[in-house]
Amino acid sequence: MARIAGVDLHKNKRIIIALTKIYGIGNTSAAKILEKAGVDPTIKTQDLTEAQVGAIRKVIDSDFKVEGDLRKEVSMHVKMLIDMGCYRGLRHRRNLPVRGQRTHTNARTRKGPRKGVVSTRKAE
């Protein structure tokens, strides 16, 4: 199993698909990485040589921000928006959708499970 950028890649998948398991690398980025490294995109991960794995690592380290660094940068950007007090920051702070979606209905993923109506009856 190849280990690139601190992530174990699937050994039975094509390398272009396996690279997308790394946070910050999608299909387009994976294709660019393999082109720069000179690796065939259809080869399975288990069939890669050490030289090919090293070439892929080198390209990722030099040209792309992935995994921990990228997660840290994204969280810092969100924190900056919250500290600024801009509209997007307020939406992040309240855990509501940030990009203009409606919240009267839907938005359950962001808002969490429905809070039921709590009735407070007088104890008799």
PDB file of N, CA and C in Angstrom:
ATOM      1  N   MET A   1       0.842  -1.181   0.000  1.00  0.00           N
ATOM      2  CA  MET A   1       0.000   0.000   0.000  1.00  0.00           C
ATOM      3  C   MET A   1       0.887   1.245   0.000  1.00  0.00           C
ATOM      4  N   ALA A   2       0.661   2.125  -0.970  1.00  0.00           N
ATOM      5  CA  ALA A   2       1.464   3.341  -1.073  1.00  0.00           C
ATOM      6  C   ALA A   2       0.986   4.361  -0.044  1.00  0.00           C
ATOM      7  N   ARG A   3       1.932   5.040   0.581  1.00  0.00           N
ATOM      8  CA  ARG A   3       1.609   6.068   1.564  1.00  0.00           C
ATOM      9  C   ARG A   3       2.161   7.396   1.055  1.00  0.00           C
ATOM     10  N   ILE A   4       1.238   8.304   0.713  1.00  0.00           N
ATOM     11  CA  ILE A   4       1.618   9.598   0.173  1.00  0.00           C
ATOM     12  C   ILE A   4       0.921  10.670   0.997  1.00  0.00           C
ATOM     13  N   ALA A   5       1.641  11.683   1.419  1.00  0.00           N
ATOM     14  CA  ALA A   5       1.120  12.806   2.206  1.00  0.00           C
ATOM     15  C   ALA A   5       0.427  12.332   3.478  1.00  0.00           C
ATOM     16  N   GLY A   6       0.945  11.250   4.067  1.00  0.00           N
ATOM     17  CA  GLY A   6       0.386  10.739   5.318  1.00  0.00           C
ATOM     18  C   GLY A   6      -0.898   9.968   5.164  1.00  0.00           C
ATOM     19  N   VAL A   7      -1.259   9.576   3.933  1.00  0.00           N
ATOM     20  CA  VAL A   7      -2.497   8.845   3.677  1.00  0.00           C
ATOM     21  C   VAL A   7      -2.174   7.533   2.979  1.00  0.00           C
ATOM     22  N   ASP A   8      -2.743   6.441   3.481  1.00  0.00           N
ATOM     23  CA  ASP A   8      -2.596   5.149   2.806  1.00  0.00           C
ATOM     24  C   ASP A   8      -3.574   5.096   1.644  1.00  0.00           C
ATOM     25  N   LEU A   9      -3.066   4.867   0.436  1.00  0.00           N
ATOM     26  CA  LEU A   9      -3.916   4.820  -0.748  1.00  0.00           C
ATOM     27  C   LEU A   9      -4.407   3.394  -0.988  1.00  0.00           C
ATOM     28  N   HIS A  10      -5.606   3.267  -1.579  1.00  0.00           N
ATOM     29  CA  HIS A  10      -6.149   1.951  -1.904  1.00  0.00           C
ATOM     30  C   HIS A  10      -5.234   1.270  -2.912  1.00  0.00           C
ATOM     31  N   LYS A  11      -4.886   0.006  -2.653  1.00  0.00           N
ATOM     32  CA  LYS A  11      -3.927  -0.648  -3.539  1.00  0.00           C
ATOM     33  C   LYS A  11      -4.561  -1.244  -4.783  1.00  0.00           C
ATOM     34  N   ASN A  12      -5.866  -1.515  -4.762  1.00  0.00           N
ATOM     35  CA  ASN A  12      -6.506  -2.140  -5.919  1.00  0.00           C
ATOM     36  C   ASN A  12      -7.143  -1.148  -6.869  1.00  0.00           C
ATOM     37  N   LYS A  13      -7.014   0.152  -6.596  1.00  0.00           N
ATOM     38  CA  LYS A  13      -7.612   1.157  -7.473  1.00  0.00           C
ATOM     39  C   LYS A  13      -6.553   1.761  -8.375  1.00  0.00           C
ATOM     40  N   ARG A  14      -7.023   2.352  -9.486  1.00  0.00           N
ATOM     41  CA  ARG A  14      -6.100   3.078 -10.356  1.00  0.00           C
ATOM     42  C   ARG A  14      -5.550   4.265  -9.580  1.00  0.00           C
ATOM     43  N   ILE A  15      -4.322   4.640  -9.862  1.00  0.00           N
ATOM     44  CA  ILE A  15      -3.645   5.671  -9.077  1.00  0.00           C
ATOM     45  C   ILE A  15      -4.358   7.016  -9.200  1.00  0.00           C
ATOM     46  N   ILE A  16      -4.962   7.299 -10.350  1.00  0.00           N
ATOM     47  CA  ILE A  16      -5.658   8.582 -10.517  1.00  0.00           C
ATOM     48  C   ILE A  16      -6.866   8.664  -9.583  1.00  0.00           C
ATOM     49  N   ILE A  17      -7.500   7.547  -9.312  1.00  0.00           N
ATOM     50  CA  ILE A  17      -8.646   7.496  -8.388  1.00  0.00           C
ATOM     51  C   ILE A  17      -8.146   7.465  -6.945  1.00  0.00           C
ATOM     52  N   ALA A  18      -7.095   6.710  -6.682  1.00  0.00           N
ATOM     53  CA  ALA A  18      -6.572   6.568  -5.318  1.00  0.00           C
ATOM     54  C   ALA A  18      -6.053   7.896  -4.769  1.00  0.00           C
ATOM     55  N   LEU A  19      -5.483   8.734  -5.629  1.00  0.00           N
ATOM     56  CA  LEU A  19      -4.949  10.019  -5.174  1.00  0.00           C
ATOM     57  C   LEU A  19      -6.037  10.941  -4.643  1.00  0.00           C
ATOM     58  N   THR A  20      -7.284  10.751  -5.098  1.00  0.00           N
ATOM     59  CA  THR A  20      -8.373  11.629  -4.659  1.00  0.00           C
ATOM     60  C   THR A  20      -8.747  11.386  -3.202  1.00  0.00           C
ATOM     61  N   LYS A  21      -8.195  10.344  -2.576  1.00  0.00           N
ATOM     62  CA  LYS A  21      -8.440  10.103  -1.154  1.00  0.00           C
ATOM     63  C   LYS A  21      -7.697  11.124  -0.291  1.00  0.00           C
ATOM     64  N   ILE A  22      -6.679  11.759  -0.859  1.00  0.00           N
ATOM     65  CA  ILE A  22      -5.912  12.772  -0.143  1.00  0.00           C
ATOM     66  C   ILE A  22      -6.724  14.065  -0.120  1.00  0.00           C
ATOM     67  N   TYR A  23      -6.876  14.662   1.054  1.00  0.00           N
ATOM     68  CA  TYR A  23      -7.638  15.900   1.204  1.00  0.00           C
ATOM     69  C   TYR A  23      -6.970  17.015   0.415  1.00  0.00           C
ATOM     70  N   GLY A  24      -7.715  17.619  -0.497  1.00  0.00           N
ATOM     71  CA  GLY A  24      -7.185  18.707  -1.306  1.00  0.00           C
ATOM     72  C   GLY A  24      -6.837  18.289  -2.722  1.00  0.00           C
ATOM     73  N   ILE A  25      -6.991  17.001  -3.045  1.00  0.00           N
ATOM     74  CA  ILE A  25      -6.711  16.528  -4.399  1.00  0.00           C
ATOM     75  C   ILE A  25      -7.986  15.914  -4.961  1.00  0.00           C
ATOM     76  N   GLY A  26      -8.432  16.467  -6.087  1.00  0.00           N
ATOM     77  CA  GLY A  26      -9.594  15.942  -6.804  1.00  0.00           C
ATOM     78  C   GLY A  26      -9.144  15.291  -8.096  1.00  0.00           C
ATOM     79  N   ASN A  27     -10.102  15.040  -8.987  1.00  0.00           N
ATOM     80  CA  ASN A  27      -9.779  14.371 -10.249  1.00  0.00           C
ATOM     81  C   ASN A  27      -8.816  15.193 -11.104  1.00  0.00           C
ATOM     82  N   THR A  28      -9.088  16.490 -11.234  1.00  0.00           N
ATOM     83  CA  THR A  28      -8.247  17.339 -12.082  1.00  0.00           C
ATOM     84  C   THR A  28      -6.837  17.458 -11.521  1.00  0.00           C
ATOM     85  N   SER A  29      -6.736  17.678 -10.211  1.00  0.00           N
ATOM     86  CA  SER A  29      -5.414  17.792  -9.584  1.00  0.00           C
ATOM     87  C   SER A  29      -4.639  16.488  -9.708  1.00  0.00           C
ATOM     88  N   ALA A  30      -5.329  15.360  -9.536  1.00  0.00           N
ATOM     89  CA  ALA A  30      -4.666  14.055  -9.647  1.00  0.00           C
ATOM     90  C   ALA A  30      -4.098  13.862 -11.049  1.00  0.00           C
ATOM     91  N   ALA A  31      -4.859  14.263 -12.062  1.00  0.00           N
ATOM     92  CA  ALA A  31      -4.382  14.129 -13.441  1.00  0.00           C
ATOM     93  C   ALA A  31      -3.155  14.994 -13.673  1.00  0.00           C
ATOM     94  N   LYS A  32      -3.165  16.221 -13.139  1.00  0.00           N
ATOM     95  CA  LYS A  32      -2.005  17.121 -13.303  1.00  0.00           C
ATOM     96  C   LYS A  32      -0.772  16.565 -12.590  1.00  0.00           C
ATOM     97  N   ILE A  33      -0.978  16.017 -11.395  1.00  0.00           N
ATOM     98  CA  ILE A  33       0.133  15.454 -10.620  1.00  0.00           C
ATOM     99  C   ILE A  33       0.781  14.308 -11.384  1.00  0.00           C
ATOM    100  N   LEU A  34      -0.038  13.397 -11.898  1.00  0.00           N
ATOM    101  CA  LEU A  34       0.494  12.231 -12.613  1.00  0.00           C
ATOM    102  C   LEU A  34       1.181  12.640 -13.911  1.00  0.00           C
ATOM    103  N   GLU A  35       0.652  13.675 -14.564  1.00  0.00           N
ATOM    104  CA  GLU A  35       1.287  14.154 -15.793  1.00  0.00           C
ATOM    105  C   GLU A  35       2.673  14.728 -15.499  1.00  0.00           C
ATOM    106  N   LYS A  36       2.772  15.535 -14.432  1.00  0.00           N
ATOM    107  CA  LYS A  36       4.069  16.124 -14.060  1.00  0.00           C
ATOM    108  C   LYS A  36       5.053  15.059 -13.591  1.00  0.00           C
ATOM    109  N   ALA A  37       4.538  14.030 -12.900  1.00  0.00           N
ATOM    110  CA  ALA A  37       5.413  12.977 -12.386  1.00  0.00           C
ATOM    111  C   ALA A  37       5.776  11.965 -13.462  1.00  0.00           C
ATOM    112  N   GLY A  38       5.060  11.999 -14.592  1.00  0.00           N
ATOM    113  CA  GLY A  38       5.339  11.060 -15.674  1.00  0.00           C
ATOM    114  C   GLY A  38       4.875   9.648 -15.363  1.00  0.00           C
ATOM    115  N   VAL A  39       3.731   9.530 -14.679  1.00  0.00           N
ATOM    116  CA  VAL A  39       3.189   8.220 -14.307  1.00  0.00           C
ATOM    117  C   VAL A  39       1.909   7.982 -15.090  1.00  0.00           C
ATOM    118  N   ASP A  40       1.724   6.744 -15.565  1.00  0.00           N
ATOM    119  CA  ASP A  40       0.521   6.376 -16.305  1.00  0.00           C
ATOM    120  C   ASP A  40      -0.681   6.376 -15.353  1.00  0.00           C
ATOM    121  N   PRO A  41      -1.767   7.129 -15.661  1.00  0.00           N
ATOM    122  CA  PRO A  41      -2.910   7.222 -14.742  1.00  0.00           C
ATOM    123  C   PRO A  41      -3.703   5.920 -14.592  1.00  0.00           C
ATOM    124  N   THR A  42      -3.550   4.987 -15.541  1.00  0.00           N
ATOM    125  CA  THR A  42      -4.350   3.762 -15.483  1.00  0.00           C
ATOM    126  C   THR A  42      -3.686   2.657 -14.664  1.00  0.00           C
ATOM    127  N   ILE A  43      -2.452   2.873 -14.235  1.00  0.00           N
ATOM    128  CA  ILE A  43      -1.742   1.838 -13.470  1.00  0.00           C
ATOM    129  C   ILE A  43      -2.342   1.725 -12.071  1.00  0.00           C
ATOM    130  N   LYS A  44      -2.393   0.498 -11.544  1.00  0.00           N
ATOM    131  CA  LYS A  44      -2.918   0.276 -10.194  1.00  0.00           C
ATOM    132  C   LYS A  44      -1.876   0.733  -9.171  1.00  0.00           C
ATOM    133  N   THR A  45      -2.357   1.133  -8.014  1.00  0.00           N
ATOM    134  CA  THR A  45      -1.468   1.638  -6.973  1.00  0.00           C
ATOM    135  C   THR A  45      -0.455   0.589  -6.544  1.00  0.00           C
ATOM    136  N   GLN A  46      -0.878  -0.682  -6.480  1.00  0.00           N
ATOM    137  CA  GLN A  46       0.026  -1.745  -6.019  1.00  0.00           C
ATOM    138  C   GLN A  46       1.145  -2.015  -7.028  1.00  0.00           C
ATOM    139  N   ASP A  47       0.964  -1.602  -8.289  1.00  0.00           N
ATOM    140  CA  ASP A  47       1.974  -1.846  -9.314  1.00  0.00           C
ATOM    141  C   ASP A  47       2.981  -0.709  -9.461  1.00  0.00           C
ATOM    142  N   LEU A  48       2.855   0.345  -8.636  1.00  0.00           N
ATOM    143  CA  LEU A  48       3.786   1.467  -8.711  1.00  0.00           C
ATOM    144  C   LEU A  48       5.157   1.062  -8.186  1.00  0.00           C
ATOM    145  N   THR A  49       6.198   1.586  -8.819  1.00  0.00           N
ATOM    146  CA  THR A  49       7.553   1.361  -8.311  1.00  0.00           C
ATOM    147  C   THR A  49       7.858   2.453  -7.282  1.00  0.00           C
ATOM    148  N   GLU A  50       8.912   2.244  -6.513  1.00  0.00           N
ATOM    149  CA  GLU A  50       9.313   3.234  -5.510  1.00  0.00           C
ATOM    150  C   GLU A  50       9.685   4.561  -6.168  1.00  0.00           C
ATOM    151  N   ALA A  51      10.289   4.486  -7.352  1.00  0.00           N
ATOM    152  CA  ALA A  51      10.673   5.708  -8.065  1.00  0.00           C
ATOM    153  C   ALA A  51       9.435   6.515  -8.450  1.00  0.00           C
ATOM    154  N   GLN A  52       8.384   5.825  -8.917  1.00  0.00           N
ATOM    155  CA  GLN A  52       7.150   6.511  -9.296  1.00  0.00           C
ATOM    156  C   GLN A  52       6.471   7.140  -8.077  1.00  0.00           C
ATOM    157  N   VAL A  53       6.446   6.403  -6.962  1.00  0.00           N
ATOM    158  CA  VAL A  53       5.855   6.933  -5.733  1.00  0.00           C
ATOM    159  C   VAL A  53       6.633   8.165  -5.274  1.00  0.00           C
ATOM    160  N   GLY A  54       7.944   8.094  -5.354  1.00  0.00           N
ATOM    161  CA  GLY A  54       8.784   9.234  -4.983  1.00  0.00           C
ATOM    162  C   GLY A  54       8.530  10.443  -5.872  1.00  0.00           C
ATOM    163  N   ALA A  55       8.343  10.205  -7.173  1.00  0.00           N
ATOM    164  CA  ALA A  55       8.070  11.303  -8.110  1.00  0.00           C
ATOM    165  C   ALA A  55       6.729  11.958  -7.789  1.00  0.00           C
ATOM    166  N   ILE A  56       5.731  11.143  -7.457  1.00  0.00           N
ATOM    167  CA  ILE A  56       4.405  11.679  -7.104  1.00  0.00           C
ATOM    168  C   ILE A  56       4.511  12.498  -5.819  1.00  0.00           C
ATOM    169  N   ARG A  57       5.211  11.967  -4.813  1.00  0.00           N
ATOM    170  CA  ARG A  57       5.401  12.688  -3.543  1.00  0.00           C
ATOM    171  C   ARG A  57       6.066  14.044  -3.785  1.00  0.00           C
ATOM    172  N   LYS A  58       7.102  14.036  -4.630  1.00  0.00           N
ATOM    173  CA  LYS A  58       7.860  15.248  -4.907  1.00  0.00           C
ATOM    174  C   LYS A  58       6.970  16.320  -5.536  1.00  0.00           C
ATOM    175  N   VAL A  59       6.132  15.921  -6.502  1.00  0.00           N
ATOM    176  CA  VAL A  59       5.236  16.864  -7.172  1.00  0.00           C
ATOM    177  C   VAL A  59       4.222  17.427  -6.185  1.00  0.00           C
ATOM    178  N   ILE A  60       3.648  16.564  -5.351  1.00  0.00           N
ATOM    179  CA  ILE A  60       2.644  17.015  -4.373  1.00  0.00           C
ATOM    180  C   ILE A  60       3.278  17.969  -3.367  1.00  0.00           C
ATOM    181  N   ASP A  61       4.457  17.623  -2.866  1.00  0.00           N
ATOM    182  CA  ASP A  61       5.118  18.474  -1.867  1.00  0.00           C
ATOM    183  C   ASP A  61       5.482  19.844  -2.429  1.00  0.00           C
ATOM    184  N   SER A  62       5.896  19.883  -3.693  1.00  0.00           N
ATOM    185  CA  SER A  62       6.364  21.152  -4.252  1.00  0.00           C
ATOM    186  C   SER A  62       5.230  22.042  -4.768  1.00  0.00           C
ATOM    187  N   ASP A  63       4.146  21.449  -5.294  1.00  0.00           N
ATOM    188  CA  ASP A  63       3.136  22.251  -5.999  1.00  0.00           C
ATOM    189  C   ASP A  63       1.781  22.348  -5.313  1.00  0.00           C
ATOM    190  N   PHE A  64       1.482  21.496  -4.352  1.00  0.00           N
ATOM    191  CA  PHE A  64       0.131  21.450  -3.794  1.00  0.00           C
ATOM    192  C   PHE A  64       0.138  21.568  -2.283  1.00  0.00           C
ATOM    193  N   LYS A  65      -0.896  22.199  -1.757  1.00  0.00           N
ATOM    194  CA  LYS A  65      -1.105  22.263  -0.312  1.00  0.00           C
ATOM    195  C   LYS A  65      -2.180  21.228  -0.001  1.00  0.00           C
ATOM    196  N   VAL A  66      -1.843  20.216   0.795  1.00  0.00           N
ATOM    197  CA  VAL A  66      -2.781  19.126   1.059  1.00  0.00           C
ATOM    198  C   VAL A  66      -2.822  18.779   2.540  1.00  0.00           C
ATOM    199  N   GLU A  67      -3.809  17.980   2.893  1.00  0.00           N
ATOM    200  CA  GLU A  67      -4.006  17.443   4.245  1.00  0.00           C
ATOM    201  C   GLU A  67      -3.920  18.493   5.341  1.00  0.00           C
ATOM    202  N   GLY A  68      -3.043  18.347   6.308  1.00  0.00           N
ATOM    203  CA  GLY A  68      -3.009  19.177   7.502  1.00  0.00           C
ATOM    204  C   GLY A  68      -2.837  20.663   7.219  1.00  0.00           C
ATOM    205  N   ASP A  69      -1.937  20.999   6.296  1.00  0.00           N
ATOM    206  CA  ASP A  69      -1.700  22.409   5.972  1.00  0.00           C
ATOM    207  C   ASP A  69      -2.958  23.049   5.392  1.00  0.00           C
ATOM    208  N   LEU A  70      -3.620  22.323   4.493  1.00  0.00           N
ATOM    209  CA  LEU A  70      -4.821  22.857   3.850  1.00  0.00           C
ATOM    210  C   LEU A  70      -5.967  22.974   4.846  1.00  0.00           C
ATOM    211  N   ARG A  71      -6.147  21.952   5.687  1.00  0.00           N
ATOM    212  CA  ARG A  71      -7.204  22.007   6.713  1.00  0.00           C
ATOM    213  C   ARG A  71      -6.971  23.192   7.646  1.00  0.00           C
ATOM    214  N   LYS A  72      -5.713  23.413   8.024  1.00  0.00           N
ATOM    215  CA  LYS A  72      -5.373  24.523   8.913  1.00  0.00           C
ATOM    216  C   LYS A  72      -5.685  25.858   8.250  1.00  0.00           C
ATOM    217  N   GLU A  73      -5.334  25.984   6.966  1.00  0.00           N
ATOM    218  CA  GLU A  73      -5.584  27.227   6.237  1.00  0.00           C
ATOM    219  C   GLU A  73      -7.083  27.503   6.122  1.00  0.00           C
ATOM    220  N   VAL A  74      -7.878  26.479   5.811  1.00  0.00           N
ATOM    221  CA  VAL A  74      -9.326  26.651   5.679  1.00  0.00           C
ATOM    222  C   VAL A  74      -9.933  27.066   7.014  1.00  0.00           C
ATOM    223  N   SER A  75      -9.512  26.411   8.106  1.00  0.00           N
ATOM    224  CA  SER A  75     -10.061  26.762   9.415  1.00  0.00           C
ATOM    225  C   SER A  75      -9.653  28.182   9.825  1.00  0.00           C
ATOM    226  N   MET A  76      -8.457  28.603   9.441  1.00  0.00           N
ATOM    227  CA  MET A  76      -8.019  29.963   9.737  1.00  0.00           C
ATOM    228  C   MET A  76      -8.851  30.992   8.963  1.00  0.00           C
ATOM    229  N   HIS A  77      -9.203  30.675   7.720  1.00  0.00           N
ATOM    230  CA  HIS A  77     -10.036  31.576   6.933  1.00  0.00           C
ATOM    231  C   HIS A  77     -11.426  31.711   7.550  1.00  0.00           C
ATOM    232  N   VAL A  78     -11.994  30.594   8.011  1.00  0.00           N
ATOM    233  CA  VAL A  78     -13.308  30.635   8.660  1.00  0.00           C
ATOM    234  C   VAL A  78     -13.225  31.436   9.951  1.00  0.00           C
ATOM    235  N   LYS A  79     -12.164  31.227  10.724  1.00  0.00           N
ATOM    236  CA  LYS A  79     -11.975  31.960  11.982  1.00  0.00           C
ATOM    237  C   LYS A  79     -11.840  33.456  11.712  1.00  0.00           C
ATOM    238  N   MET A  80     -11.155  33.812  10.629  1.00  0.00           N
ATOM    239  CA  MET A  80     -11.004  35.215  10.262  1.00  0.00           C
ATOM    240  C   MET A  80     -12.362  35.843   9.938  1.00  0.00           C
ATOM    241  N   LEU A  81     -13.210  35.110   9.219  1.00  0.00           N
ATOM    242  CA  LEU A  81     -14.548  35.610   8.894  1.00  0.00           C
ATOM    243  C   LEU A  81     -15.370  35.823  10.162  1.00  0.00           C
ATOM    244  N   ILE A  82     -15.256  34.894  11.106  1.00  0.00           N
ATOM    245  CA  ILE A  82     -16.000  35.004  12.365  1.00  0.00           C
ATOM    246  C   ILE A  82     -15.516  36.208  13.157  1.00  0.00           C
ATOM    247  N   ASP A  83     -14.194  36.385  13.246  1.00  0.00           N
ATOM    248  CA  ASP A  83     -13.627  37.502  13.999  1.00  0.00           C
ATOM    249  C   ASP A  83     -13.979  38.853  13.381  1.00  0.00           C
ATOM    250  N   MET A  84     -14.062  38.882  12.047  1.00  0.00           N
ATOM    251  CA  MET A  84     -14.394  40.109  11.346  1.00  0.00           C
ATOM    252  C   MET A  84     -15.828  40.541  11.633  1.00  0.00           C
ATOM    253  N   GLY A  85     -16.682  39.555  11.861  1.00  0.00           N
ATOM    254  CA  GLY A  85     -18.087  39.861  12.115  1.00  0.00           C
ATOM    255  C   GLY A  85     -18.879  40.110  10.851  1.00  0.00           C
ATOM    256  N   CYS A  86     -18.361  39.663   9.706  1.00  0.00           N
ATOM    257  CA  CYS A  86     -19.092  39.838   8.462  1.00  0.00           C
ATOM    258  C   CYS A  86     -20.254  38.848   8.408  1.00  0.00           C
ATOM    259  N   TYR A  87     -21.115  39.001   7.415  1.00  0.00           N
ATOM    260  CA  TYR A  87     -22.320  38.177   7.320  1.00  0.00           C
ATOM    261  C   TYR A  87     -21.973  36.689   7.279  1.00  0.00           C
ATOM    262  N   ARG A  88     -20.989  36.327   6.442  1.00  0.00           N
ATOM    263  CA  ARG A  88     -20.597  34.915   6.352  1.00  0.00           C
ATOM    264  C   ARG A  88     -20.071  34.413   7.681  1.00  0.00           C
ATOM    265  N   GLY A  89     -19.342  35.267   8.409  1.00  0.00           N
ATOM    266  CA  GLY A  89     -18.827  34.885   9.711  1.00  0.00           C
ATOM    267  C   GLY A  89     -19.940  34.646  10.711  1.00  0.00           C
ATOM    268  N   LEU A  90     -20.974  35.493  10.680  1.00  0.00           N
ATOM    269  CA  LEU A  90     -22.117  35.303  11.575  1.00  0.00           C
ATOM    270  C   LEU A  90     -22.841  34.004  11.274  1.00  0.00           C
ATOM    271  N   ARG A  91     -22.967  33.679   9.977  1.00  0.00           N
ATOM    272  CA  ARG A  91     -23.629  32.419   9.595  1.00  0.00           C
ATOM    273  C   ARG A  91     -22.807  31.218  10.093  1.00  0.00           C
ATOM    274  N   HIS A  92     -21.479  31.308   9.983  1.00  0.00           N
ATOM    275  CA  HIS A  92     -20.632  30.232  10.507  1.00  0.00           C
ATOM    276  C   HIS A  92     -20.816  30.111  12.013  1.00  0.00           C
ATOM    277  N   ARG A  93     -20.830  31.228  12.719  1.00  0.00           N
ATOM    278  CA  ARG A  93     -20.942  31.225  14.172  1.00  0.00           C
ATOM    279  C   ARG A  93     -22.249  30.584  14.631  1.00  0.00           C
ATOM    280  N   ARG A  94     -23.331  30.862  13.896  1.00  0.00           N
ATOM    281  CA  ARG A  94     -24.647  30.320  14.266  1.00  0.00           C
ATOM    282  C   ARG A  94     -24.913  28.940  13.699  1.00  0.00           C
ATOM    283  N   ASN A  95     -23.955  28.396  12.971  1.00  0.00           N
ATOM    284  CA  ASN A  95     -24.088  27.070  12.373  1.00  0.00           C
ATOM    285  C   ASN A  95     -25.267  27.002  11.404  1.00  0.00           C
ATOM    286  N   LEU A  96     -25.394  28.013  10.567  1.00  0.00           N
ATOM    287  CA  LEU A  96     -26.436  28.074   9.548  1.00  0.00           C
ATOM    288  C   LEU A  96     -25.783  28.050   8.172  1.00  0.00           C
ATOM    289  N   PRO A  97     -26.559  27.779   7.111  1.00  0.00           N
ATOM    290  CA  PRO A  97     -25.965  27.775   5.771  1.00  0.00           C
ATOM    291  C   PRO A  97     -25.350  29.130   5.435  1.00  0.00           C
ATOM    292  N   VAL A  98     -24.192  29.103   4.775  1.00  0.00           N
ATOM    293  CA  VAL A  98     -23.405  30.301   4.552  1.00  0.00           C
ATOM    294  C   VAL A  98     -23.655  30.893   3.171  1.00  0.00           C
ATOM    295  N   ARG A  99     -24.063  30.085   2.225  1.00  0.00           N
ATOM    296  CA  ARG A  99     -24.067  30.530   0.832  1.00  0.00           C
ATOM    297  C   ARG A  99     -25.451  30.853   0.273  1.00  0.00           C
ATOM    298  N   GLY A 100     -26.321  31.412   1.092  1.00  0.00           N
ATOM    299  CA  GLY A 100     -27.581  31.939   0.582  1.00  0.00           C
ATOM    300  C   GLY A 100     -28.714  30.939   0.452  1.00  0.00           C
ATOM    301  N   GLN A 101     -28.559  29.732   1.002  1.00  0.00           N
ATOM    302  CA  GLN A 101     -29.636  28.761   0.894  1.00  0.00           C
ATOM    303  C   GLN A 101     -30.781  29.134   1.828  1.00  0.00           C
ATOM    304  N   ARG A 102     -31.980  28.628   1.513  1.00  0.00           N
ATOM    305  CA  ARG A 102     -33.132  28.911   2.367  1.00  0.00           C
ATOM    306  C   ARG A 102     -33.054  28.058   3.624  1.00  0.00           C
ATOM    307  N   THR A 103     -33.639  28.560   4.711  1.00  0.00           N
ATOM    308  CA  THR A 103     -33.601  27.808   5.957  1.00  0.00           C
ATOM    309  C   THR A 103     -34.986  27.576   6.549  1.00  0.00           C
ATOM    310  N   HIS A 104     -36.032  28.159   5.922  1.00  0.00           N
ATOM    311  CA  HIS A 104     -37.387  27.933   6.439  1.00  0.00           C
ATOM    312  C   HIS A 104     -37.712  26.448   6.387  1.00  0.00           C
ATOM    313  N   THR A 105     -37.412  25.844   5.254  1.00  0.00           N
ATOM    314  CA  THR A 105     -37.464  24.385   5.140  1.00  0.00           C
ATOM    315  C   THR A 105     -36.069  23.952   4.722  1.00  0.00           C
ATOM    316  N   ASN A 106     -35.781  22.691   4.832  1.00  0.00           N
ATOM    317  CA  ASN A 106     -34.458  22.147   4.470  1.00  0.00           C
ATOM    318  C   ASN A 106     -33.355  22.640   5.409  1.00  0.00           C
ATOM    319  N   ALA A 107     -32.124  22.573   4.989  1.00  0.00           N
ATOM    320  CA  ALA A 107     -30.938  22.943   5.779  1.00  0.00           C
ATOM    321  C   ALA A 107     -30.786  22.083   7.022  1.00  0.00           C
ATOM    322  N   ARG A 108     -31.311  20.873   7.013  1.00  0.00           N
ATOM    323  CA  ARG A 108     -31.254  20.021   8.203  1.00  0.00           C
ATOM    324  C   ARG A 108     -29.830  19.538   8.475  1.00  0.00           C
ATOM    325  N   THR A 109     -29.033  19.379   7.442  1.00  0.00           N
ATOM    326  CA  THR A 109     -27.659  18.919   7.655  1.00  0.00           C
ATOM    327  C   THR A 109     -26.900  19.933   8.499  1.00  0.00           C
ATOM    328  N   ARG A 110     -27.075  21.189   8.197  1.00  0.00           N
ATOM    329  CA  ARG A 110     -26.341  22.244   8.889  1.00  0.00           C
ATOM    330  C   ARG A 110     -26.959  22.554  10.262  1.00  0.00           C
ATOM    331  N   LYS A 111     -28.297  22.542  10.332  1.00  0.00           N
ATOM    332  CA  LYS A 111     -28.981  22.940  11.563  1.00  0.00           C
ATOM    333  C   LYS A 111     -29.093  21.801  12.574  1.00  0.00           C
ATOM    334  N   GLY A 112     -28.987  20.558  12.109  1.00  0.00           N
ATOM    335  CA  GLY A 112     -29.108  19.419  13.012  1.00  0.00           C
ATOM    336  C   GLY A 112     -30.538  18.923  13.064  1.00  0.00           C
ATOM    337  N   PRO A 113     -30.795  17.916  13.887  1.00  0.00           N
ATOM    338  CA  PRO A 113     -32.145  17.359  13.959  1.00  0.00           C
ATOM    339  C   PRO A 113     -33.146  18.378  14.481  1.00  0.00           C
ATOM    340  N   ARG A 114     -34.393  18.194  14.056  1.00  0.00           N
ATOM    341  CA  ARG A 114     -35.454  19.123  14.473  1.00  0.00           C
ATOM    342  C   ARG A 114     -35.624  19.108  15.982  1.00  0.00           C
ATOM    343  N   LYS A 115     -35.887  20.283  16.506  1.00  0.00           N
ATOM    344  CA  LYS A 115     -36.181  20.383  17.930  1.00  0.00           C
ATOM    345  C   LYS A 115     -37.682  20.336  18.069  1.00  0.00           C
ATOM    346  N   GLY A 116     -38.206  19.328  18.735  1.00  0.00           N
ATOM    347  CA  GLY A 116     -39.645  19.161  18.858  1.00  0.00           C
ATOM    348  C   GLY A 116     -40.278  20.268  19.670  1.00  0.00           C
ATOM    349  N   VAL A 117     -41.585  20.413  19.493  1.00  0.00           N
ATOM    350  CA  VAL A 117     -42.310  21.422  20.264  1.00  0.00           C
ATOM    351  C   VAL A 117     -42.442  20.913  21.670  1.00  0.00           C
ATOM    352  N   VAL A 118     -41.949  21.668  22.619  1.00  0.00           N
ATOM    353  CA  VAL A 118     -41.992  21.269  24.010  1.00  0.00           C
ATOM    354  C   VAL A 118     -43.174  21.960  24.669  1.00  0.00           C
ATOM    355  N   SER A 119     -44.098  21.159  25.178  1.00  0.00           N
ATOM    356  CA  SER A 119     -45.265  21.769  25.819  1.00  0.00           C
ATOM    357  C   SER A 119     -45.031  21.773  27.333  1.00  0.00           C
ATOM    358  N   THR A 120     -45.292  22.907  27.930  1.00  0.00           N
ATOM    359  CA  THR A 120     -45.131  23.015  29.374  1.00  0.00           C
ATOM    360  C   THR A 120     -46.518  23.155  30.006  1.00  0.00           C
ATOM    361  N   ARG A 121     -47.043  22.066  30.499  1.00  0.00           N
ATOM    362  CA  ARG A 121     -48.340  22.083  31.150  1.00  0.00           C
ATOM    363  C   ARG A 121     -48.184  22.368  32.635  1.00  0.00           C
ATOM    364  N   LYS A 122     -49.187  22.992  33.149  1.00  0.00           N
ATOM    365  CA  LYS A 122     -49.189  23.261  34.569  1.00  0.00           C
ATOM    366  C   LYS A 122     -49.444  21.961  35.324  1.00  0.00           C
ATOM    367  N   ALA A 123     -48.654  21.656  36.305  1.00  0.00           N
ATOM    368  CA  ALA A 123     -48.870  20.451  37.100  1.00  0.00           C
ATOM    369  C   ALA A 123     -50.107  20.648  37.967  1.00  0.00           C
ATOM    370  N   GLU A 124     -51.041  19.719  37.839  1.00  0.00           N
ATOM    371  CA  GLU A 124     -52.288  19.837  38.621  1.00  0.00           C
ATOM    372  C   GLU A 124     -52.325  18.897  39.768  1.00  0.00           C
TER     373      GLU A 124
END
